[in-house]
Amino acid sequence: MSAIEKNTRTELSRGELAAVAARVYAGERLSREDGIRLFESQDLLGIGFLADLARRRAWGDDVYFINNAHINHTNVCQNLCDLCAFGKQAGSPEAYTLTLDEVEAKARAAAAAGVTEMHIVGGLNPELPYDYYLDLLRTVREAAPQACIQAFDAVEIDFIATQAGRPVADVLQELRQAGLDSLPGGGAEIFAPEVRRRLCAKKIDGQRWLLVHETAHRLGIPTNATMLYGHLETAADRVDHLLALRELQDRTGGFLAFIPLAFHPANTAFSNLPGTTGVEDLKMLAISRLLLDNFRHIKAFWIMLGPKLAQVALHFGVNDLDGTVREEHIFHDAGAATPQYQPAASFLRSIRAAGRIPVERDTLYREVRRYA
């Protein structure tokens, strides 16, 4: 134990987080009350120290990134949630839906760049038939056979199943046969019913979101999990959301990673909100690491945080920085000021400068290349 670590432990043992710190040192699971206490604390560096300790002890110094590409196949959406700047009404001048030929062109361009993941999400477009989704996956699979396909969040899966009049399990199995490898974690927003009603009244509720993911896990389809924070939610809402994910992970083990998503208010019905601060972002990531003791990967999505804050987050419990992305509309429509592409060399430089080990992965966290 270094002198700095010893001194930090001593300081924490004397402060407001003493009981929480003792449980982290002992490797004990944190409670709902512990989570709320952490969110209410102003000791950012103390929380970061505990999260970094938990990360190092359980998962080591590897930091993951991926060579991936995003496709947002349609922005037409029947829900038009107040929190969203991406969805457009059918007939709007800004509305679009990619043809399968356009999807194929994007997938072939990504394949030529060596991507190992195609990440596909879009709006809830009632004009698209069930076969469009199957054909989209088959098209991408043929154009980019080396890539994992992570597509359609739980809200989309529920929508596709409802439109088709089919059970979610049957739809997931058919999508998998067409090429689906994994589900992204979007659409979780915040599970707290009242806040969810104000943000996205037409979206499936939190229990339905969890059920779709549990169904995927039971079928052997791994998924990611998210939480949208920095809007109307309370500290207790955040903790309850994390504990619901932890409980499902205990039962299925099907989540690959957790990604806290900082709310971007521009061009939404909540454009009066200020957005998150860097302190809030780092605290959110660190507390996620501490409460989600059964999640191996906590991801700092650089598109929303910016590359520099994402790098700092590597000392706050994070061990994944997502990937190259190449093209992204959902968060940039809501005001994200980051570029849409970050080359692999940038990840290597950022991770090494943080004193960690860069590991390129695929969607399923299989190692593509470990960098010395």
Protein backbone atom coordinates (compact mmCIF):
# COMPACT_ATOMS: atom_id res chain seq x y z
CA MET A 1 0.00 0.00 0.00
CA SER A 2 1.43 3.36 -1.02
CA ALA A 3 1.73 6.25 1.41
CA ILE A 4 -0.92 8.17 -0.54
CA GLU A 5 -3.37 5.26 -0.34
CA LYS A 6 -2.66 4.80 3.36
CA ASN A 7 -3.27 8.50 4.05
CA THR A 8 -6.47 8.51 1.99
CA ARG A 9 -7.79 5.50 3.89
CA THR A 10 -7.04 7.26 7.15
CA GLU A 11 -8.87 10.41 6.03
CA LEU A 12 -11.88 8.43 4.84
CA SER A 13 -12.07 6.52 8.13
CA ARG A 14 -12.53 9.82 9.95
CA GLY A 15 -15.10 11.37 7.62
CA GLU A 16 -18.75 11.12 6.59
CA LEU A 17 -18.06 8.10 4.37
CA ALA A 18 -16.31 6.05 7.07
CA ALA A 19 -18.98 3.32 7.24
CA VAL A 20 -19.23 3.04 3.45
CA ALA A 21 -15.46 2.93 3.10
CA ALA A 22 -15.23 0.15 5.70
CA ARG A 23 -17.68 -1.94 3.70
CA VAL A 24 -15.74 -1.32 0.47
CA TYR A 25 -12.47 -2.34 2.15
CA ALA A 26 -14.14 -5.51 3.42
CA GLY A 27 -15.55 -6.34 -0.02
CA GLU A 28 -19.12 -6.13 1.27
CA ARG A 29 -22.11 -5.21 -0.89
CA LEU A 30 -23.33 -1.62 -0.45
CA SER A 31 -26.93 -0.89 0.53
CA ARG A 32 -29.52 1.60 -0.76
CA GLU A 33 -28.68 3.86 2.18
CA ASP A 34 -24.97 3.67 1.31
CA GLY A 35 -25.75 4.70 -2.26
CA ILE A 36 -27.79 7.71 -1.20
CA ARG A 37 -25.06 8.72 1.26
CA LEU A 38 -22.50 8.62 -1.55
CA PHE A 39 -24.62 10.80 -3.84
CA GLU A 40 -25.17 13.30 -1.02
CA SER A 41 -21.47 13.50 -0.20
CA GLN A 42 -19.25 16.28 -1.57
CA ASP A 43 -16.12 14.15 -1.17
CA LEU A 44 -15.57 13.51 -4.88
CA LEU A 45 -11.97 12.38 -4.49
CA GLY A 46 -12.86 10.03 -1.64
CA ILE A 47 -15.64 8.44 -3.73
CA GLY A 48 -13.28 8.18 -6.68
CA PHE A 49 -10.64 6.53 -4.49
CA LEU A 50 -13.12 3.89 -3.34
CA ALA A 51 -14.37 3.25 -6.88
CA ASP A 52 -10.82 2.95 -8.21
CA LEU A 53 -10.00 0.53 -5.41
CA ALA A 54 -13.06 -1.60 -6.22
CA ARG A 55 -12.16 -1.60 -9.91
CA ARG A 56 -8.50 -2.53 -9.34
CA ARG A 57 -9.29 -5.24 -6.83
CA ALA A 58 -11.96 -6.95 -8.92
CA TRP A 59 -11.01 -6.32 -12.54
CA GLY A 60 -7.41 -5.10 -12.82
CA ASP A 61 -5.88 -2.37 -14.97
CA ASP A 62 -7.17 -3.26 -18.44
CA VAL A 63 -9.13 -0.54 -20.25
CA TYR A 64 -11.27 -1.57 -23.19
CA PHE A 65 -12.18 0.17 -26.44
CA ILE A 66 -13.72 -1.05 -29.67
CA ASN A 67 -13.47 -0.31 -33.37
CA ASN A 68 -17.16 0.21 -34.04
CA ALA A 69 -19.62 2.09 -36.23
CA HIS A 70 -23.11 3.39 -35.49
CA ILE A 71 -26.08 3.30 -37.82
CA ASN A 72 -29.25 5.22 -36.88
CA HIS A 73 -31.56 3.73 -39.50
CA THR A 74 -34.56 6.03 -38.94
CA ASN A 75 -35.41 9.08 -36.86
CA VAL A 76 -39.16 8.74 -37.43
CA CYS A 77 -40.69 8.00 -34.04
CA GLN A 78 -44.26 7.66 -32.87
CA ASN A 79 -43.36 8.44 -29.26
CA LEU A 80 -41.65 11.85 -29.67
CA CYS A 81 -40.52 11.83 -26.03
CA ASP A 82 -39.95 15.16 -24.34
CA LEU A 83 -36.39 14.15 -23.43
CA CYS A 84 -35.39 13.40 -27.02
CA ALA A 85 -34.08 15.68 -29.78
CA PHE A 86 -33.60 12.88 -32.31
CA GLY A 87 -37.11 11.61 -33.01
CA LYS A 88 -39.14 13.30 -35.77
CA GLN A 89 -42.73 13.08 -36.87
CA ALA A 90 -43.38 11.26 -40.15
CA GLY A 91 -43.57 13.83 -42.93
CA SER A 92 -41.27 16.27 -41.16
CA PRO A 93 -38.64 17.82 -43.47
CA GLU A 94 -35.98 16.38 -41.14
CA ALA A 95 -37.44 12.88 -41.03
CA TYR A 96 -35.53 10.05 -42.70
CA THR A 97 -35.50 6.27 -43.01
CA LEU A 98 -32.55 4.50 -44.58
CA THR A 99 -33.24 2.04 -47.37
CA LEU A 100 -31.58 -1.34 -47.11
CA ASP A 101 -29.22 -0.27 -49.90
CA GLU A 102 -28.17 2.75 -47.82
CA VAL A 103 -27.70 0.55 -44.77
CA GLU A 104 -25.60 -1.84 -46.84
CA ALA A 105 -23.39 1.00 -48.09
CA LYS A 106 -22.73 2.16 -44.52
CA ALA A 107 -22.02 -1.40 -43.36
CA ARG A 108 -19.61 -2.05 -46.24
CA ALA A 109 -17.75 1.19 -45.53
CA ALA A 110 -17.45 0.21 -41.87
CA ALA A 111 -16.32 -3.29 -42.79
CA ALA A 112 -13.60 -1.82 -44.99
CA ALA A 113 -12.37 0.09 -41.92
CA GLY A 114 -12.13 -3.18 -39.98
CA VAL A 115 -14.90 -2.58 -37.46
CA THR A 116 -15.81 -5.41 -35.09
CA GLU A 117 -19.18 -3.95 -34.05
CA MET A 118 -22.15 -2.48 -35.87
CA HIS A 119 -24.28 -0.55 -33.35
CA ILE A 120 -27.81 0.02 -34.72
CA VAL A 121 -30.61 1.97 -33.01
CA GLY A 122 -33.38 4.22 -34.29
CA GLY A 123 -36.87 5.61 -33.74
CA LEU A 124 -40.17 3.75 -33.47
CA ASN A 125 -41.32 4.06 -37.08
CA PRO A 126 -44.82 2.57 -37.49
CA GLU A 127 -44.43 2.45 -41.27
CA LEU A 128 -41.65 -0.14 -41.15
CA PRO A 129 -42.79 -3.77 -41.49
CA TYR A 130 -41.39 -6.57 -39.38
CA ASP A 131 -39.41 -7.88 -42.34
CA TYR A 132 -37.47 -4.58 -42.54
CA TYR A 133 -35.72 -5.38 -39.26
CA LEU A 134 -34.91 -8.95 -40.28
CA ASP A 135 -33.67 -7.82 -43.69
CA LEU A 136 -31.64 -4.99 -42.13
CA LEU A 137 -29.79 -7.49 -39.93
CA ARG A 138 -29.25 -9.92 -42.83
CA THR A 139 -27.93 -7.05 -44.96
CA VAL A 140 -25.47 -5.92 -42.31
CA ARG A 141 -24.40 -9.49 -41.58
CA GLU A 142 -23.59 -10.06 -45.24
CA ALA A 143 -21.85 -6.70 -45.70
CA ALA A 144 -19.81 -6.90 -42.48
CA PRO A 145 -19.48 -10.61 -41.64
CA GLN A 146 -16.60 -10.05 -39.22
CA ALA A 147 -18.57 -7.65 -37.01
CA CYS A 148 -20.87 -8.33 -34.07
CA ILE A 149 -24.27 -6.70 -34.50
CA GLN A 150 -25.56 -4.90 -31.43
CA ALA A 151 -28.98 -3.61 -32.40
CA PHE A 152 -32.38 -2.39 -31.20
CA ASP A 153 -32.75 -1.35 -27.57
CA ALA A 154 -35.45 -2.80 -25.32
CA VAL A 155 -37.96 -0.10 -26.30
CA GLU A 156 -37.46 -0.95 -29.97
CA ILE A 157 -37.69 -4.68 -29.31
CA ASP A 158 -41.00 -4.19 -27.49
CA PHE A 159 -42.24 -1.98 -30.36
CA ILE A 160 -41.19 -4.47 -33.05
CA ALA A 161 -42.87 -7.32 -31.18
CA THR A 162 -46.05 -5.30 -30.64
CA GLN A 163 -46.21 -4.26 -34.29
CA ALA A 164 -45.72 -7.86 -35.38
CA GLY A 165 -48.20 -9.22 -32.82
CA ARG A 166 -45.54 -11.64 -31.61
CA PRO A 167 -44.07 -12.49 -28.19
CA VAL A 168 -40.79 -10.74 -27.39
CA ALA A 169 -38.99 -14.07 -27.01
CA ASP A 170 -40.04 -15.21 -30.50
CA VAL A 171 -38.97 -11.91 -32.03
CA LEU A 172 -35.60 -12.01 -30.30
CA GLN A 173 -34.99 -15.53 -31.56
CA GLU A 174 -35.83 -14.56 -35.14
CA LEU A 175 -33.69 -11.43 -34.96
CA ARG A 176 -30.83 -13.54 -33.67
CA GLN A 177 -31.24 -15.95 -36.57
CA ALA A 178 -31.03 -12.93 -38.89
CA GLY A 179 -27.75 -11.78 -37.34
CA LEU A 180 -28.39 -10.11 -33.97
CA ASP A 181 -25.63 -10.72 -31.40
CA SER A 182 -26.46 -8.34 -28.55
CA LEU A 183 -28.83 -5.60 -27.43
CA PRO A 184 -27.66 -2.09 -26.56
CA GLY A 185 -28.72 -0.63 -23.23
CA GLY A 186 -30.68 2.40 -24.37
CA GLY A 187 -34.24 3.28 -23.42
CA ALA A 188 -33.76 2.63 -19.70
CA GLU A 189 -33.74 6.39 -18.97
CA ILE A 190 -34.68 6.39 -15.28
CA PHE A 191 -36.97 3.70 -13.87
CA ALA A 192 -38.70 5.96 -11.29
CA PRO A 193 -42.32 5.94 -12.57
CA GLU A 194 -43.23 9.59 -11.92
CA VAL A 195 -40.02 10.99 -13.41
CA ARG A 196 -40.30 8.60 -16.35
CA ARG A 197 -43.85 9.79 -16.97
CA ARG A 198 -42.64 13.40 -17.20
CA LEU A 199 -39.70 12.53 -19.46
CA CYS A 200 -41.20 9.96 -21.80
CA ALA A 201 -44.83 9.18 -21.04
CA LYS A 202 -45.36 6.90 -24.06
CA LYS A 203 -42.25 4.79 -23.53
CA ILE A 204 -42.45 1.33 -21.93
CA ASP A 205 -42.06 1.44 -18.17
CA GLY A 206 -39.00 0.33 -16.25
CA GLN A 207 -40.39 -3.10 -15.40
CA ARG A 208 -41.05 -3.81 -19.08
CA TRP A 209 -37.52 -2.65 -19.98
CA LEU A 210 -36.10 -5.06 -17.41
CA LEU A 211 -38.35 -7.89 -18.65
CA VAL A 212 -37.13 -7.48 -22.25
CA HIS A 213 -33.53 -7.69 -21.06
CA GLU A 214 -34.27 -10.66 -18.83
CA THR A 215 -35.91 -12.42 -21.79
CA ALA A 216 -32.82 -11.75 -23.90
CA HIS A 217 -30.54 -13.05 -21.17
CA ARG A 218 -32.62 -16.25 -20.80
CA LEU A 219 -32.16 -16.82 -24.54
CA GLY A 220 -28.39 -16.33 -24.25
CA ILE A 221 -28.37 -12.86 -25.82
CA PRO A 222 -26.15 -10.52 -23.78
CA THR A 223 -27.10 -6.88 -23.36
CA ASN A 224 -25.86 -3.58 -21.99
CA ALA A 225 -27.58 -1.36 -19.42
CA THR A 226 -27.85 2.41 -19.13
CA MET A 227 -29.29 5.17 -16.99
CA LEU A 228 -30.03 8.70 -18.17
CA TYR A 229 -29.16 11.13 -15.37
CA GLY A 230 -28.96 14.87 -14.85
CA HIS A 231 -32.59 15.89 -15.46
CA LEU A 232 -35.46 15.60 -12.94
CA GLU A 233 -34.37 12.57 -10.95
CA THR A 234 -33.33 12.43 -7.28
CA ALA A 235 -30.38 10.64 -5.71
CA ALA A 236 -32.80 7.97 -4.47
CA ASP A 237 -34.13 7.49 -8.03
CA ARG A 238 -30.58 6.88 -9.26
CA VAL A 239 -29.83 4.39 -6.51
CA ASP A 240 -33.09 2.49 -7.04
CA HIS A 241 -32.33 2.28 -10.78
CA LEU A 242 -28.86 0.88 -10.13
CA LEU A 243 -30.15 -1.63 -7.58
CA ALA A 244 -32.82 -2.88 -10.02
CA LEU A 245 -30.05 -3.55 -12.55
CA ARG A 246 -27.91 -5.22 -9.89
CA GLU A 247 -30.78 -7.49 -8.88
CA LEU A 248 -31.38 -8.61 -12.48
CA GLN A 249 -27.67 -9.16 -13.00
CA ASP A 250 -27.61 -11.37 -9.89
CA ARG A 251 -30.30 -13.55 -11.45
CA THR A 252 -29.12 -13.71 -15.09
CA GLY A 253 -25.53 -12.47 -15.38
CA GLY A 254 -26.49 -11.26 -18.85
CA PHE A 255 -25.36 -7.64 -18.71
CA LEU A 256 -22.01 -6.89 -20.32
CA ALA A 257 -21.58 -3.27 -19.25
CA PHE A 258 -23.27 -0.34 -17.56
CA ILE A 259 -23.16 3.06 -19.25
CA PRO A 260 -24.39 6.14 -17.33
CA LEU A 261 -25.62 8.65 -19.93
CA ALA A 262 -25.44 12.35 -19.08
CA PHE A 263 -28.63 14.14 -20.18
CA HIS A 264 -28.11 16.65 -22.98
CA PRO A 265 -31.01 19.13 -22.86
CA ALA A 266 -30.53 21.11 -26.11
CA ASN A 267 -33.44 20.87 -28.55
CA THR A 268 -35.57 18.91 -26.07
CA ALA A 269 -38.59 19.99 -24.00
CA PHE A 270 -36.16 20.42 -21.11
CA SER A 271 -33.80 22.86 -22.80
CA ASN A 272 -34.13 25.09 -19.72
CA LEU A 273 -32.10 22.57 -17.69
CA PRO A 274 -28.38 23.28 -17.39
CA GLY A 275 -26.99 19.83 -18.11
CA THR A 276 -24.54 17.96 -15.90
CA THR A 277 -21.23 19.17 -14.50
CA GLY A 278 -17.95 17.31 -14.63
CA VAL A 279 -18.13 16.62 -10.89
CA GLU A 280 -21.60 15.12 -11.29
CA ASP A 281 -20.44 12.95 -14.19
CA LEU A 282 -17.44 11.57 -12.28
CA LYS A 283 -19.49 10.94 -9.14
CA MET A 284 -22.12 9.10 -11.19
CA LEU A 285 -19.52 6.82 -12.76
CA ALA A 286 -17.76 6.14 -9.46
CA ILE A 287 -20.94 5.33 -7.55
CA SER A 288 -22.04 3.05 -10.38
CA ARG A 289 -18.83 1.07 -9.92
CA LEU A 290 -19.41 0.84 -6.17
CA LEU A 291 -23.07 -0.21 -6.28
CA LEU A 292 -22.87 -2.46 -9.34
CA ASP A 293 -20.45 -4.92 -7.81
CA ASN A 294 -21.58 -7.63 -10.23
CA PHE A 295 -20.94 -5.61 -13.42
CA ARG A 296 -17.46 -6.14 -14.80
CA HIS A 297 -17.50 -3.14 -17.12
CA ILE A 298 -18.41 0.48 -16.32
CA LYS A 299 -18.20 2.57 -19.47
CA ALA A 300 -17.50 6.30 -19.89
CA PHE A 301 -19.17 7.12 -23.21
CA TRP A 302 -16.78 9.74 -24.58
CA ILE A 303 -19.34 11.02 -27.07
CA MET A 304 -21.32 12.47 -24.14
CA LEU A 305 -18.52 13.29 -21.70
CA GLY A 306 -15.79 14.43 -24.05
CA PRO A 307 -12.52 12.49 -24.47
CA LYS A 308 -10.65 14.34 -21.70
CA LEU A 309 -13.25 13.82 -18.95
CA ALA A 310 -13.67 10.20 -20.09
CA GLN A 311 -9.92 9.77 -19.61
CA VAL A 312 -10.08 11.22 -16.08
CA ALA A 313 -12.96 8.83 -15.38
CA LEU A 314 -10.46 5.97 -15.65
CA HIS A 315 -9.50 6.95 -12.07
CA PHE A 316 -13.15 6.86 -10.95
CA GLY A 317 -13.98 3.19 -11.48
CA VAL A 318 -14.22 3.15 -15.28
CA ASN A 319 -12.64 0.42 -17.41
CA ASP A 320 -14.21 1.03 -20.84
CA LEU A 321 -14.24 4.07 -23.15
CA ASP A 322 -16.57 2.71 -25.88
CA GLY A 323 -15.21 3.08 -29.39
CA THR A 324 -14.51 4.86 -32.64
CA VAL A 325 -18.27 5.38 -33.37
CA ARG A 326 -17.76 7.24 -36.72
CA GLU A 327 -21.32 8.58 -37.02
CA GLU A 328 -23.80 9.45 -34.27
CA HIS A 329 -27.01 11.47 -34.38
CA ILE A 330 -29.00 10.89 -31.19
CA PHE A 331 -26.79 12.79 -28.74
CA HIS A 332 -25.46 15.28 -31.25
CA ASP A 333 -29.02 16.33 -32.07
CA ALA A 334 -29.32 17.08 -28.32
CA GLY A 335 -26.25 19.28 -28.25
CA ALA A 336 -23.25 16.97 -27.87
CA ALA A 337 -20.23 19.01 -28.98
CA THR A 338 -17.81 16.10 -29.34
CA PRO A 339 -16.57 14.87 -32.72
CA GLN A 340 -18.31 11.85 -34.23
CA TYR A 341 -15.12 9.83 -34.65
CA GLN A 342 -12.15 9.06 -32.47
CA PRO A 343 -9.35 6.94 -33.99
CA ALA A 344 -7.84 3.95 -32.19
CA ALA A 345 -4.56 5.84 -31.77
CA SER A 346 -6.36 8.41 -29.63
CA PHE A 347 -7.64 5.70 -27.29
CA LEU A 348 -4.15 4.23 -26.96
CA ARG A 349 -2.65 7.61 -26.07
CA SER A 350 -5.41 8.44 -23.59
CA ILE A 351 -5.34 5.07 -21.81
CA ARG A 352 -1.57 4.87 -21.59
CA ALA A 353 -1.33 8.42 -20.25
CA ALA A 354 -3.68 7.34 -17.45
CA GLY A 355 -1.26 4.55 -16.53
CA ARG A 356 -3.55 1.76 -17.73
CA ILE A 357 -3.37 -1.05 -20.29
CA PRO A 358 -5.25 -0.59 -23.61
CA VAL A 359 -7.18 -3.63 -24.82
CA GLU A 360 -9.15 -3.59 -28.05
CA ARG A 361 -12.27 -5.74 -27.70
CA ASP A 362 -15.30 -6.84 -29.66
CA THR A 363 -18.93 -6.41 -28.56
CA LEU A 364 -18.79 -9.47 -26.33
CA TYR A 365 -15.54 -8.31 -24.69
CA ARG A 366 -13.47 -10.89 -26.49
CA GLU A 367 -9.93 -9.60 -26.78
CA VAL A 368 -8.98 -8.41 -30.29
CA ARG A 369 -5.57 -7.03 -29.37
CA ARG A 370 -3.74 -6.22 -26.16
CA TYR A 371 -1.30 -3.32 -26.42
CA ALA A 372 1.92 -3.40 -24.44
